[in-house]
Amino acid sequence: FLGRSDPPRISCTAPTLGSMAMNR
C-alpha cells in the first residue's frame, strides 16, 4: 500500500496453502 504520502508504507502477505499446512 503506497496510497497517500502521509501514512506509512504498509504491506501484507496472504497466507499460502503451504504456510497454512505448516500452521497445522
PDBML (XML) file of the C-alpha atoms, coordinates in Angstrom:
<?xml version="1.0" encoding="UTF-8" ?>
<PDBx:datablock datablockName="MODEL"
   xmlns:PDBx="http://pdbml.pdb.org/schema/pdbx-v50.xsd"
   xmlns:xsi="http://www.w3.org/2001/XMLSchema-instance"
   xsi:schemaLocation="http://pdbml.pdb.org/schema/pdbx-v50.xsd pdbx-v50.xsd">
   <PDBx:atom_siteCategory>
      <PDBx:atom_site id="1">
         <PDBx:B_iso_or_equiv>0.00</PDBx:B_iso_or_equiv>
         <PDBx:Cartn_x>0.000</PDBx:Cartn_x>
         <PDBx:Cartn_y>0.000</PDBx:Cartn_y>
         <PDBx:Cartn_z>0.000</PDBx:Cartn_z>
         <PDBx:auth_asym_id>A</PDBx:auth_asym_id>
         <PDBx:auth_atom_id>CA</PDBx:auth_atom_id>
         <PDBx:auth_comp_id>PHE</PDBx:auth_comp_id>
         <PDBx:auth_seq_id>1</PDBx:auth_seq_id>
         <PDBx:group_PDB>ATOM</PDBx:group_PDB>
         <PDBx:label_alt_id xsi:nil="true" />
         <PDBx:label_asym_id>A</PDBx:label_asym_id>
         <PDBx:label_atom_id>CA</PDBx:label_atom_id>
         <PDBx:label_comp_id>PHE</PDBx:label_comp_id>
         <PDBx:label_entity_id>1</PDBx:label_entity_id>
         <PDBx:label_seq_id>1</PDBx:label_seq_id>
         <PDBx:occupancy>1.00</PDBx:occupancy>
         <PDBx:pdbx_PDB_model_num>1</PDBx:pdbx_PDB_model_num>
         <PDBx:type_symbol>C</PDBx:type_symbol>
      </PDBx:atom_site>
      <PDBx:atom_site id="2">
         <PDBx:B_iso_or_equiv>0.00</PDBx:B_iso_or_equiv>
         <PDBx:Cartn_x>1.639</PDBx:Cartn_x>
         <PDBx:Cartn_y>3.169</PDBx:Cartn_y>
         <PDBx:Cartn_z>-1.187</PDBx:Cartn_z>
         <PDBx:auth_asym_id>A</PDBx:auth_asym_id>
         <PDBx:auth_atom_id>CA</PDBx:auth_atom_id>
         <PDBx:auth_comp_id>LEU</PDBx:auth_comp_id>
         <PDBx:auth_seq_id>2</PDBx:auth_seq_id>
         <PDBx:group_PDB>ATOM</PDBx:group_PDB>
         <PDBx:label_alt_id xsi:nil="true" />
         <PDBx:label_asym_id>A</PDBx:label_asym_id>
         <PDBx:label_atom_id>CA</PDBx:label_atom_id>
         <PDBx:label_comp_id>LEU</PDBx:label_comp_id>
         <PDBx:label_entity_id>1</PDBx:label_entity_id>
         <PDBx:label_seq_id>2</PDBx:label_seq_id>
         <PDBx:occupancy>1.00</PDBx:occupancy>
         <PDBx:pdbx_PDB_model_num>1</PDBx:pdbx_PDB_model_num>
         <PDBx:type_symbol>C</PDBx:type_symbol>
      </PDBx:atom_site>
      <PDBx:atom_site id="3">
         <PDBx:B_iso_or_equiv>0.00</PDBx:B_iso_or_equiv>
         <PDBx:Cartn_x>-1.537</PDBx:Cartn_x>
         <PDBx:Cartn_y>5.292</PDBx:Cartn_y>
         <PDBx:Cartn_z>-1.188</PDBx:Cartn_z>
         <PDBx:auth_asym_id>A</PDBx:auth_asym_id>
         <PDBx:auth_atom_id>CA</PDBx:auth_atom_id>
         <PDBx:auth_comp_id>GLY</PDBx:auth_comp_id>
         <PDBx:auth_seq_id>3</PDBx:auth_seq_id>
         <PDBx:group_PDB>ATOM</PDBx:group_PDB>
         <PDBx:label_alt_id xsi:nil="true" />
         <PDBx:label_asym_id>A</PDBx:label_asym_id>
         <PDBx:label_atom_id>CA</PDBx:label_atom_id>
         <PDBx:label_comp_id>GLY</PDBx:label_comp_id>
         <PDBx:label_entity_id>1</PDBx:label_entity_id>
         <PDBx:label_seq_id>3</PDBx:label_seq_id>
         <PDBx:occupancy>1.00</PDBx:occupancy>
         <PDBx:pdbx_PDB_model_num>1</PDBx:pdbx_PDB_model_num>
         <PDBx:type_symbol>C</PDBx:type_symbol>
      </PDBx:atom_site>
      <PDBx:atom_site id="4">
         <PDBx:B_iso_or_equiv>0.00</PDBx:B_iso_or_equiv>
         <PDBx:Cartn_x>-1.205</PDBx:Cartn_x>
         <PDBx:Cartn_y>8.833</PDBx:Cartn_y>
         <PDBx:Cartn_z>0.008</PDBx:Cartn_z>
         <PDBx:auth_asym_id>A</PDBx:auth_asym_id>
         <PDBx:auth_atom_id>CA</PDBx:auth_atom_id>
         <PDBx:auth_comp_id>ARG</PDBx:auth_comp_id>
         <PDBx:auth_seq_id>4</PDBx:auth_seq_id>
         <PDBx:group_PDB>ATOM</PDBx:group_PDB>
         <PDBx:label_alt_id xsi:nil="true" />
         <PDBx:label_asym_id>A</PDBx:label_asym_id>
         <PDBx:label_atom_id>CA</PDBx:label_atom_id>
         <PDBx:label_comp_id>ARG</PDBx:label_comp_id>
         <PDBx:label_entity_id>1</PDBx:label_entity_id>
         <PDBx:label_seq_id>4</PDBx:label_seq_id>
         <PDBx:occupancy>1.00</PDBx:occupancy>
         <PDBx:pdbx_PDB_model_num>1</PDBx:pdbx_PDB_model_num>
         <PDBx:type_symbol>C</PDBx:type_symbol>
      </PDBx:atom_site>
      <PDBx:atom_site id="5">
         <PDBx:B_iso_or_equiv>0.00</PDBx:B_iso_or_equiv>
         <PDBx:Cartn_x>2.114</PDBx:Cartn_x>
         <PDBx:Cartn_y>10.239</PDBx:Cartn_y>
         <PDBx:Cartn_z>1.085</PDBx:Cartn_z>
         <PDBx:auth_asym_id>A</PDBx:auth_asym_id>
         <PDBx:auth_atom_id>CA</PDBx:auth_atom_id>
         <PDBx:auth_comp_id>SER</PDBx:auth_comp_id>
         <PDBx:auth_seq_id>5</PDBx:auth_seq_id>
         <PDBx:group_PDB>ATOM</PDBx:group_PDB>
         <PDBx:label_alt_id xsi:nil="true" />
         <PDBx:label_asym_id>A</PDBx:label_asym_id>
         <PDBx:label_atom_id>CA</PDBx:label_atom_id>
         <PDBx:label_comp_id>SER</PDBx:label_comp_id>
         <PDBx:label_entity_id>1</PDBx:label_entity_id>
         <PDBx:label_seq_id>5</PDBx:label_seq_id>
         <PDBx:occupancy>1.00</PDBx:occupancy>
         <PDBx:pdbx_PDB_model_num>1</PDBx:pdbx_PDB_model_num>
         <PDBx:type_symbol>C</PDBx:type_symbol>
      </PDBx:atom_site>
      <PDBx:atom_site id="6">
         <PDBx:B_iso_or_equiv>0.00</PDBx:B_iso_or_equiv>
         <PDBx:Cartn_x>1.214</PDBx:Cartn_x>
         <PDBx:Cartn_y>10.847</PDBx:Cartn_y>
         <PDBx:Cartn_z>4.737</PDBx:Cartn_z>
         <PDBx:auth_asym_id>A</PDBx:auth_asym_id>
         <PDBx:auth_atom_id>CA</PDBx:auth_atom_id>
         <PDBx:auth_comp_id>ASP</PDBx:auth_comp_id>
         <PDBx:auth_seq_id>6</PDBx:auth_seq_id>
         <PDBx:group_PDB>ATOM</PDBx:group_PDB>
         <PDBx:label_alt_id xsi:nil="true" />
         <PDBx:label_asym_id>A</PDBx:label_asym_id>
         <PDBx:label_atom_id>CA</PDBx:label_atom_id>
         <PDBx:label_comp_id>ASP</PDBx:label_comp_id>
         <PDBx:label_entity_id>1</PDBx:label_entity_id>
         <PDBx:label_seq_id>6</PDBx:label_seq_id>
         <PDBx:occupancy>1.00</PDBx:occupancy>
         <PDBx:pdbx_PDB_model_num>1</PDBx:pdbx_PDB_model_num>
         <PDBx:type_symbol>C</PDBx:type_symbol>
      </PDBx:atom_site>
      <PDBx:atom_site id="7">
         <PDBx:B_iso_or_equiv>0.00</PDBx:B_iso_or_equiv>
         <PDBx:Cartn_x>0.524</PDBx:Cartn_x>
         <PDBx:Cartn_y>7.274</PDBx:Cartn_y>
         <PDBx:Cartn_z>6.014</PDBx:Cartn_z>
         <PDBx:auth_asym_id>A</PDBx:auth_asym_id>
         <PDBx:auth_atom_id>CA</PDBx:auth_atom_id>
         <PDBx:auth_comp_id>PRO</PDBx:auth_comp_id>
         <PDBx:auth_seq_id>7</PDBx:auth_seq_id>
         <PDBx:group_PDB>ATOM</PDBx:group_PDB>
         <PDBx:label_alt_id xsi:nil="true" />
         <PDBx:label_asym_id>A</PDBx:label_asym_id>
         <PDBx:label_atom_id>CA</PDBx:label_atom_id>
         <PDBx:label_comp_id>PRO</PDBx:label_comp_id>
         <PDBx:label_entity_id>1</PDBx:label_entity_id>
         <PDBx:label_seq_id>7</PDBx:label_seq_id>
         <PDBx:occupancy>1.00</PDBx:occupancy>
         <PDBx:pdbx_PDB_model_num>1</PDBx:pdbx_PDB_model_num>
         <PDBx:type_symbol>C</PDBx:type_symbol>
      </PDBx:atom_site>
      <PDBx:atom_site id="8">
         <PDBx:B_iso_or_equiv>0.00</PDBx:B_iso_or_equiv>
         <PDBx:Cartn_x>3.494</PDBx:Cartn_x>
         <PDBx:Cartn_y>4.901</PDBx:Cartn_y>
         <PDBx:Cartn_z>6.342</PDBx:Cartn_z>
         <PDBx:auth_asym_id>A</PDBx:auth_asym_id>
         <PDBx:auth_atom_id>CA</PDBx:auth_atom_id>
         <PDBx:auth_comp_id>PRO</PDBx:auth_comp_id>
         <PDBx:auth_seq_id>8</PDBx:auth_seq_id>
         <PDBx:group_PDB>ATOM</PDBx:group_PDB>
         <PDBx:label_alt_id xsi:nil="true" />
         <PDBx:label_asym_id>A</PDBx:label_asym_id>
         <PDBx:label_atom_id>CA</PDBx:label_atom_id>
         <PDBx:label_comp_id>PRO</PDBx:label_comp_id>
         <PDBx:label_entity_id>1</PDBx:label_entity_id>
         <PDBx:label_seq_id>8</PDBx:label_seq_id>
         <PDBx:occupancy>1.00</PDBx:occupancy>
         <PDBx:pdbx_PDB_model_num>1</PDBx:pdbx_PDB_model_num>
         <PDBx:type_symbol>C</PDBx:type_symbol>
      </PDBx:atom_site>
      <PDBx:atom_site id="9">
         <PDBx:B_iso_or_equiv>0.00</PDBx:B_iso_or_equiv>
         <PDBx:Cartn_x>4.099</PDBx:Cartn_x>
         <PDBx:Cartn_y>2.173</PDBx:Cartn_y>
         <PDBx:Cartn_z>3.808</PDBx:Cartn_z>
         <PDBx:auth_asym_id>A</PDBx:auth_asym_id>
         <PDBx:auth_atom_id>CA</PDBx:auth_atom_id>
         <PDBx:auth_comp_id>ARG</PDBx:auth_comp_id>
         <PDBx:auth_seq_id>9</PDBx:auth_seq_id>
         <PDBx:group_PDB>ATOM</PDBx:group_PDB>
         <PDBx:label_alt_id xsi:nil="true" />
         <PDBx:label_asym_id>A</PDBx:label_asym_id>
         <PDBx:label_atom_id>CA</PDBx:label_atom_id>
         <PDBx:label_comp_id>ARG</PDBx:label_comp_id>
         <PDBx:label_entity_id>1</PDBx:label_entity_id>
         <PDBx:label_seq_id>9</PDBx:label_seq_id>
         <PDBx:occupancy>1.00</PDBx:occupancy>
         <PDBx:pdbx_PDB_model_num>1</PDBx:pdbx_PDB_model_num>
         <PDBx:type_symbol>C</PDBx:type_symbol>
      </PDBx:atom_site>
      <PDBx:atom_site id="10">
         <PDBx:B_iso_or_equiv>0.00</PDBx:B_iso_or_equiv>
         <PDBx:Cartn_x>2.256</PDBx:Cartn_x>
         <PDBx:Cartn_y>-0.970</PDBx:Cartn_y>
         <PDBx:Cartn_z>4.884</PDBx:Cartn_z>
         <PDBx:auth_asym_id>A</PDBx:auth_asym_id>
         <PDBx:auth_atom_id>CA</PDBx:auth_atom_id>
         <PDBx:auth_comp_id>ILE</PDBx:auth_comp_id>
         <PDBx:auth_seq_id>10</PDBx:auth_seq_id>
         <PDBx:group_PDB>ATOM</PDBx:group_PDB>
         <PDBx:label_alt_id xsi:nil="true" />
         <PDBx:label_asym_id>A</PDBx:label_asym_id>
         <PDBx:label_atom_id>CA</PDBx:label_atom_id>
         <PDBx:label_comp_id>ILE</PDBx:label_comp_id>
         <PDBx:label_entity_id>1</PDBx:label_entity_id>
         <PDBx:label_seq_id>10</PDBx:label_seq_id>
         <PDBx:occupancy>1.00</PDBx:occupancy>
         <PDBx:pdbx_PDB_model_num>1</PDBx:pdbx_PDB_model_num>
         <PDBx:type_symbol>C</PDBx:type_symbol>
      </PDBx:atom_site>
      <PDBx:atom_site id="11">
         <PDBx:B_iso_or_equiv>0.00</PDBx:B_iso_or_equiv>
         <PDBx:Cartn_x>2.486</PDBx:Cartn_x>
         <PDBx:Cartn_y>-4.404</PDBx:Cartn_y>
         <PDBx:Cartn_z>3.344</PDBx:Cartn_z>
         <PDBx:auth_asym_id>A</PDBx:auth_asym_id>
         <PDBx:auth_atom_id>CA</PDBx:auth_atom_id>
         <PDBx:auth_comp_id>SER</PDBx:auth_comp_id>
         <PDBx:auth_seq_id>11</PDBx:auth_seq_id>
         <PDBx:group_PDB>ATOM</PDBx:group_PDB>
         <PDBx:label_alt_id xsi:nil="true" />
         <PDBx:label_asym_id>A</PDBx:label_asym_id>
         <PDBx:label_atom_id>CA</PDBx:label_atom_id>
         <PDBx:label_comp_id>SER</PDBx:label_comp_id>
         <PDBx:label_entity_id>1</PDBx:label_entity_id>
         <PDBx:label_seq_id>11</PDBx:label_seq_id>
         <PDBx:occupancy>1.00</PDBx:occupancy>
         <PDBx:pdbx_PDB_model_num>1</PDBx:pdbx_PDB_model_num>
         <PDBx:type_symbol>C</PDBx:type_symbol>
      </PDBx:atom_site>
      <PDBx:atom_site id="12">
         <PDBx:B_iso_or_equiv>0.00</PDBx:B_iso_or_equiv>
         <PDBx:Cartn_x>0.594</PDBx:Cartn_x>
         <PDBx:Cartn_y>-7.622</PDBx:Cartn_y>
         <PDBx:Cartn_z>3.853</PDBx:Cartn_z>
         <PDBx:auth_asym_id>A</PDBx:auth_asym_id>
         <PDBx:auth_atom_id>CA</PDBx:auth_atom_id>
         <PDBx:auth_comp_id>CYS</PDBx:auth_comp_id>
         <PDBx:auth_seq_id>12</PDBx:auth_seq_id>
         <PDBx:group_PDB>ATOM</PDBx:group_PDB>
         <PDBx:label_alt_id xsi:nil="true" />
         <PDBx:label_asym_id>A</PDBx:label_asym_id>
         <PDBx:label_atom_id>CA</PDBx:label_atom_id>
         <PDBx:label_comp_id>CYS</PDBx:label_comp_id>
         <PDBx:label_entity_id>1</PDBx:label_entity_id>
         <PDBx:label_seq_id>12</PDBx:label_seq_id>
         <PDBx:occupancy>1.00</PDBx:occupancy>
         <PDBx:pdbx_PDB_model_num>1</PDBx:pdbx_PDB_model_num>
         <PDBx:type_symbol>C</PDBx:type_symbol>
      </PDBx:atom_site>
      <PDBx:atom_site id="13">
         <PDBx:B_iso_or_equiv>0.00</PDBx:B_iso_or_equiv>
         <PDBx:Cartn_x>1.094</PDBx:Cartn_x>
         <PDBx:Cartn_y>-11.127</PDBx:Cartn_y>
         <PDBx:Cartn_z>2.556</PDBx:Cartn_z>
         <PDBx:auth_asym_id>A</PDBx:auth_asym_id>
         <PDBx:auth_atom_id>CA</PDBx:auth_atom_id>
         <PDBx:auth_comp_id>THR</PDBx:auth_comp_id>
         <PDBx:auth_seq_id>13</PDBx:auth_seq_id>
         <PDBx:group_PDB>ATOM</PDBx:group_PDB>
         <PDBx:label_alt_id xsi:nil="true" />
         <PDBx:label_asym_id>A</PDBx:label_asym_id>
         <PDBx:label_atom_id>CA</PDBx:label_atom_id>
         <PDBx:label_comp_id>THR</PDBx:label_comp_id>
         <PDBx:label_entity_id>1</PDBx:label_entity_id>
         <PDBx:label_seq_id>13</PDBx:label_seq_id>
         <PDBx:occupancy>1.00</PDBx:occupancy>
         <PDBx:pdbx_PDB_model_num>1</PDBx:pdbx_PDB_model_num>
         <PDBx:type_symbol>C</PDBx:type_symbol>
      </PDBx:atom_site>
      <PDBx:atom_site id="14">
         <PDBx:B_iso_or_equiv>0.00</PDBx:B_iso_or_equiv>
         <PDBx:Cartn_x>-1.799</PDBx:Cartn_x>
         <PDBx:Cartn_y>-13.515</PDBx:Cartn_y>
         <PDBx:Cartn_z>2.119</PDBx:Cartn_z>
         <PDBx:auth_asym_id>A</PDBx:auth_asym_id>
         <PDBx:auth_atom_id>CA</PDBx:auth_atom_id>
         <PDBx:auth_comp_id>ALA</PDBx:auth_comp_id>
         <PDBx:auth_seq_id>14</PDBx:auth_seq_id>
         <PDBx:group_PDB>ATOM</PDBx:group_PDB>
         <PDBx:label_alt_id xsi:nil="true" />
         <PDBx:label_asym_id>A</PDBx:label_asym_id>
         <PDBx:label_atom_id>CA</PDBx:label_atom_id>
         <PDBx:label_comp_id>ALA</PDBx:label_comp_id>
         <PDBx:label_entity_id>1</PDBx:label_entity_id>
         <PDBx:label_seq_id>14</PDBx:label_seq_id>
         <PDBx:occupancy>1.00</PDBx:occupancy>
         <PDBx:pdbx_PDB_model_num>1</PDBx:pdbx_PDB_model_num>
         <PDBx:type_symbol>C</PDBx:type_symbol>
      </PDBx:atom_site>
      <PDBx:atom_site id="15">
         <PDBx:B_iso_or_equiv>0.00</PDBx:B_iso_or_equiv>
         <PDBx:Cartn_x>-1.106</PDBx:Cartn_x>
         <PDBx:Cartn_y>-16.965</PDBx:Cartn_y>
         <PDBx:Cartn_z>3.592</PDBx:Cartn_z>
         <PDBx:auth_asym_id>A</PDBx:auth_asym_id>
         <PDBx:auth_atom_id>CA</PDBx:auth_atom_id>
         <PDBx:auth_comp_id>PRO</PDBx:auth_comp_id>
         <PDBx:auth_seq_id>15</PDBx:auth_seq_id>
         <PDBx:group_PDB>ATOM</PDBx:group_PDB>
         <PDBx:label_alt_id xsi:nil="true" />
         <PDBx:label_asym_id>A</PDBx:label_asym_id>
         <PDBx:label_atom_id>CA</PDBx:label_atom_id>
         <PDBx:label_comp_id>PRO</PDBx:label_comp_id>
         <PDBx:label_entity_id>1</PDBx:label_entity_id>
         <PDBx:label_seq_id>15</PDBx:label_seq_id>
         <PDBx:occupancy>1.00</PDBx:occupancy>
         <PDBx:pdbx_PDB_model_num>1</PDBx:pdbx_PDB_model_num>
         <PDBx:type_symbol>C</PDBx:type_symbol>
      </PDBx:atom_site>
      <PDBx:atom_site id="16">
         <PDBx:B_iso_or_equiv>0.00</PDBx:B_iso_or_equiv>
         <PDBx:Cartn_x>-0.345</PDBx:Cartn_x>
         <PDBx:Cartn_y>-19.606</PDBx:Cartn_y>
         <PDBx:Cartn_z>1.004</PDBx:Cartn_z>
         <PDBx:auth_asym_id>A</PDBx:auth_asym_id>
         <PDBx:auth_atom_id>CA</PDBx:auth_atom_id>
         <PDBx:auth_comp_id>THR</PDBx:auth_comp_id>
         <PDBx:auth_seq_id>16</PDBx:auth_seq_id>
         <PDBx:group_PDB>ATOM</PDBx:group_PDB>
         <PDBx:label_alt_id xsi:nil="true" />
         <PDBx:label_asym_id>A</PDBx:label_asym_id>
         <PDBx:label_atom_id>CA</PDBx:label_atom_id>
         <PDBx:label_comp_id>THR</PDBx:label_comp_id>
         <PDBx:label_entity_id>1</PDBx:label_entity_id>
         <PDBx:label_seq_id>16</PDBx:label_seq_id>
         <PDBx:occupancy>1.00</PDBx:occupancy>
         <PDBx:pdbx_PDB_model_num>1</PDBx:pdbx_PDB_model_num>
         <PDBx:type_symbol>C</PDBx:type_symbol>
      </PDBx:atom_site>
      <PDBx:atom_site id="17">
         <PDBx:B_iso_or_equiv>0.00</PDBx:B_iso_or_equiv>
         <PDBx:Cartn_x>-1.587</PDBx:Cartn_x>
         <PDBx:Cartn_y>-23.193</PDBx:Cartn_y>
         <PDBx:Cartn_z>1.130</PDBx:Cartn_z>
         <PDBx:auth_asym_id>A</PDBx:auth_asym_id>
         <PDBx:auth_atom_id>CA</PDBx:auth_atom_id>
         <PDBx:auth_comp_id>LEU</PDBx:auth_comp_id>
         <PDBx:auth_seq_id>17</PDBx:auth_seq_id>
         <PDBx:group_PDB>ATOM</PDBx:group_PDB>
         <PDBx:label_alt_id xsi:nil="true" />
         <PDBx:label_asym_id>A</PDBx:label_asym_id>
         <PDBx:label_atom_id>CA</PDBx:label_atom_id>
         <PDBx:label_comp_id>LEU</PDBx:label_comp_id>
         <PDBx:label_entity_id>1</PDBx:label_entity_id>
         <PDBx:label_seq_id>17</PDBx:label_seq_id>
         <PDBx:occupancy>1.00</PDBx:occupancy>
         <PDBx:pdbx_PDB_model_num>1</PDBx:pdbx_PDB_model_num>
         <PDBx:type_symbol>C</PDBx:type_symbol>
      </PDBx:atom_site>
      <PDBx:atom_site id="18">
         <PDBx:B_iso_or_equiv>0.00</PDBx:B_iso_or_equiv>
         <PDBx:Cartn_x>1.924</PDBx:Cartn_x>
         <PDBx:Cartn_y>-24.261</PDBx:Cartn_y>
         <PDBx:Cartn_z>2.118</PDBx:Cartn_z>
         <PDBx:auth_asym_id>A</PDBx:auth_asym_id>
         <PDBx:auth_atom_id>CA</PDBx:auth_atom_id>
         <PDBx:auth_comp_id>GLY</PDBx:auth_comp_id>
         <PDBx:auth_seq_id>18</PDBx:auth_seq_id>
         <PDBx:group_PDB>ATOM</PDBx:group_PDB>
         <PDBx:label_alt_id xsi:nil="true" />
         <PDBx:label_asym_id>A</PDBx:label_asym_id>
         <PDBx:label_atom_id>CA</PDBx:label_atom_id>
         <PDBx:label_comp_id>GLY</PDBx:label_comp_id>
         <PDBx:label_entity_id>1</PDBx:label_entity_id>
         <PDBx:label_seq_id>18</PDBx:label_seq_id>
         <PDBx:occupancy>1.00</PDBx:occupancy>
         <PDBx:pdbx_PDB_model_num>1</PDBx:pdbx_PDB_model_num>
         <PDBx:type_symbol>C</PDBx:type_symbol>
      </PDBx:atom_site>
      <PDBx:atom_site id="19">
         <PDBx:B_iso_or_equiv>0.00</PDBx:B_iso_or_equiv>
         <PDBx:Cartn_x>2.073</PDBx:Cartn_x>
         <PDBx:Cartn_y>-21.877</PDBx:Cartn_y>
         <PDBx:Cartn_z>5.079</PDBx:Cartn_z>
         <PDBx:auth_asym_id>A</PDBx:auth_asym_id>
         <PDBx:auth_atom_id>CA</PDBx:auth_atom_id>
         <PDBx:auth_comp_id>SER</PDBx:auth_comp_id>
         <PDBx:auth_seq_id>19</PDBx:auth_seq_id>
         <PDBx:group_PDB>ATOM</PDBx:group_PDB>
         <PDBx:label_alt_id xsi:nil="true" />
         <PDBx:label_asym_id>A</PDBx:label_asym_id>
         <PDBx:label_atom_id>CA</PDBx:label_atom_id>
         <PDBx:label_comp_id>SER</PDBx:label_comp_id>
         <PDBx:label_entity_id>1</PDBx:label_entity_id>
         <PDBx:label_seq_id>19</PDBx:label_seq_id>
         <PDBx:occupancy>1.00</PDBx:occupancy>
         <PDBx:pdbx_PDB_model_num>1</PDBx:pdbx_PDB_model_num>
         <PDBx:type_symbol>C</PDBx:type_symbol>
      </PDBx:atom_site>
      <PDBx:atom_site id="20">
         <PDBx:B_iso_or_equiv>0.00</PDBx:B_iso_or_equiv>
         <PDBx:Cartn_x>-1.446</PDBx:Cartn_x>
         <PDBx:Cartn_y>-22.922</PDBx:Cartn_y>
         <PDBx:Cartn_z>6.145</PDBx:Cartn_z>
         <PDBx:auth_asym_id>A</PDBx:auth_asym_id>
         <PDBx:auth_atom_id>CA</PDBx:auth_atom_id>
         <PDBx:auth_comp_id>MET</PDBx:auth_comp_id>
         <PDBx:auth_seq_id>20</PDBx:auth_seq_id>
         <PDBx:group_PDB>ATOM</PDBx:group_PDB>
         <PDBx:label_alt_id xsi:nil="true" />
         <PDBx:label_asym_id>A</PDBx:label_asym_id>
         <PDBx:label_atom_id>CA</PDBx:label_atom_id>
         <PDBx:label_comp_id>MET</PDBx:label_comp_id>
         <PDBx:label_entity_id>1</PDBx:label_entity_id>
         <PDBx:label_seq_id>20</PDBx:label_seq_id>
         <PDBx:occupancy>1.00</PDBx:occupancy>
         <PDBx:pdbx_PDB_model_num>1</PDBx:pdbx_PDB_model_num>
         <PDBx:type_symbol>C</PDBx:type_symbol>
      </PDBx:atom_site>
      <PDBx:atom_site id="21">
         <PDBx:B_iso_or_equiv>0.00</PDBx:B_iso_or_equiv>
         <PDBx:Cartn_x>-0.341</PDBx:Cartn_x>
         <PDBx:Cartn_y>-26.561</PDBx:Cartn_y>
         <PDBx:Cartn_z>6.158</PDBx:Cartn_z>
         <PDBx:auth_asym_id>A</PDBx:auth_asym_id>
         <PDBx:auth_atom_id>CA</PDBx:auth_atom_id>
         <PDBx:auth_comp_id>ALA</PDBx:auth_comp_id>
         <PDBx:auth_seq_id>21</PDBx:auth_seq_id>
         <PDBx:group_PDB>ATOM</PDBx:group_PDB>
         <PDBx:label_alt_id xsi:nil="true" />
         <PDBx:label_asym_id>A</PDBx:label_asym_id>
         <PDBx:label_atom_id>CA</PDBx:label_atom_id>
         <PDBx:label_comp_id>ALA</PDBx:label_comp_id>
         <PDBx:label_entity_id>1</PDBx:label_entity_id>
         <PDBx:label_seq_id>21</PDBx:label_seq_id>
         <PDBx:occupancy>1.00</PDBx:occupancy>
         <PDBx:pdbx_PDB_model_num>1</PDBx:pdbx_PDB_model_num>
         <PDBx:type_symbol>C</PDBx:type_symbol>
      </PDBx:atom_site>
      <PDBx:atom_site id="22">
         <PDBx:B_iso_or_equiv>0.00</PDBx:B_iso_or_equiv>
         <PDBx:Cartn_x>2.723</PDBx:Cartn_x>
         <PDBx:Cartn_y>-25.653</PDBx:Cartn_y>
         <PDBx:Cartn_z>8.209</PDBx:Cartn_z>
         <PDBx:auth_asym_id>A</PDBx:auth_asym_id>
         <PDBx:auth_atom_id>CA</PDBx:auth_atom_id>
         <PDBx:auth_comp_id>MET</PDBx:auth_comp_id>
         <PDBx:auth_seq_id>22</PDBx:auth_seq_id>
         <PDBx:group_PDB>ATOM</PDBx:group_PDB>
         <PDBx:label_alt_id xsi:nil="true" />
         <PDBx:label_asym_id>A</PDBx:label_asym_id>
         <PDBx:label_atom_id>CA</PDBx:label_atom_id>
         <PDBx:label_comp_id>MET</PDBx:label_comp_id>
         <PDBx:label_entity_id>1</PDBx:label_entity_id>
         <PDBx:label_seq_id>22</PDBx:label_seq_id>
         <PDBx:occupancy>1.00</PDBx:occupancy>
         <PDBx:pdbx_PDB_model_num>1</PDBx:pdbx_PDB_model_num>
         <PDBx:type_symbol>C</PDBx:type_symbol>
      </PDBx:atom_site>
      <PDBx:atom_site id="23">
         <PDBx:B_iso_or_equiv>0.00</PDBx:B_iso_or_equiv>
         <PDBx:Cartn_x>0.442</PDBx:Cartn_x>
         <PDBx:Cartn_y>-23.800</PDBx:Cartn_y>
         <PDBx:Cartn_z>10.656</PDBx:Cartn_z>
         <PDBx:auth_asym_id>A</PDBx:auth_asym_id>
         <PDBx:auth_atom_id>CA</PDBx:auth_atom_id>
         <PDBx:auth_comp_id>ASN</PDBx:auth_comp_id>
         <PDBx:auth_seq_id>23</PDBx:auth_seq_id>
         <PDBx:group_PDB>ATOM</PDBx:group_PDB>
         <PDBx:label_alt_id xsi:nil="true" />
         <PDBx:label_asym_id>A</PDBx:label_asym_id>
         <PDBx:label_atom_id>CA</PDBx:label_atom_id>
         <PDBx:label_comp_id>ASN</PDBx:label_comp_id>
         <PDBx:label_entity_id>1</PDBx:label_entity_id>
         <PDBx:label_seq_id>23</PDBx:label_seq_id>
         <PDBx:occupancy>1.00</PDBx:occupancy>
         <PDBx:pdbx_PDB_model_num>1</PDBx:pdbx_PDB_model_num>
         <PDBx:type_symbol>C</PDBx:type_symbol>
      </PDBx:atom_site>
      <PDBx:atom_site id="24">
         <PDBx:B_iso_or_equiv>0.00</PDBx:B_iso_or_equiv>
         <PDBx:Cartn_x>-1.487</PDBx:Cartn_x>
         <PDBx:Cartn_y>-27.030</PDBx:Cartn_y>
         <PDBx:Cartn_z>11.137</PDBx:Cartn_z>
         <PDBx:auth_asym_id>A</PDBx:auth_asym_id>
         <PDBx:auth_atom_id>CA</PDBx:auth_atom_id>
         <PDBx:auth_comp_id>ARG</PDBx:auth_comp_id>
         <PDBx:auth_seq_id>24</PDBx:auth_seq_id>
         <PDBx:group_PDB>ATOM</PDBx:group_PDB>
         <PDBx:label_alt_id xsi:nil="true" />
         <PDBx:label_asym_id>A</PDBx:label_asym_id>
         <PDBx:label_atom_id>CA</PDBx:label_atom_id>
         <PDBx:label_comp_id>ARG</PDBx:label_comp_id>
         <PDBx:label_entity_id>1</PDBx:label_entity_id>
         <PDBx:label_seq_id>24</PDBx:label_seq_id>
         <PDBx:occupancy>1.00</PDBx:occupancy>
         <PDBx:pdbx_PDB_model_num>1</PDBx:pdbx_PDB_model_num>
         <PDBx:type_symbol>C</PDBx:type_symbol>
      </PDBx:atom_site>
   </PDBx:atom_siteCategory>
</PDBx:datablock>
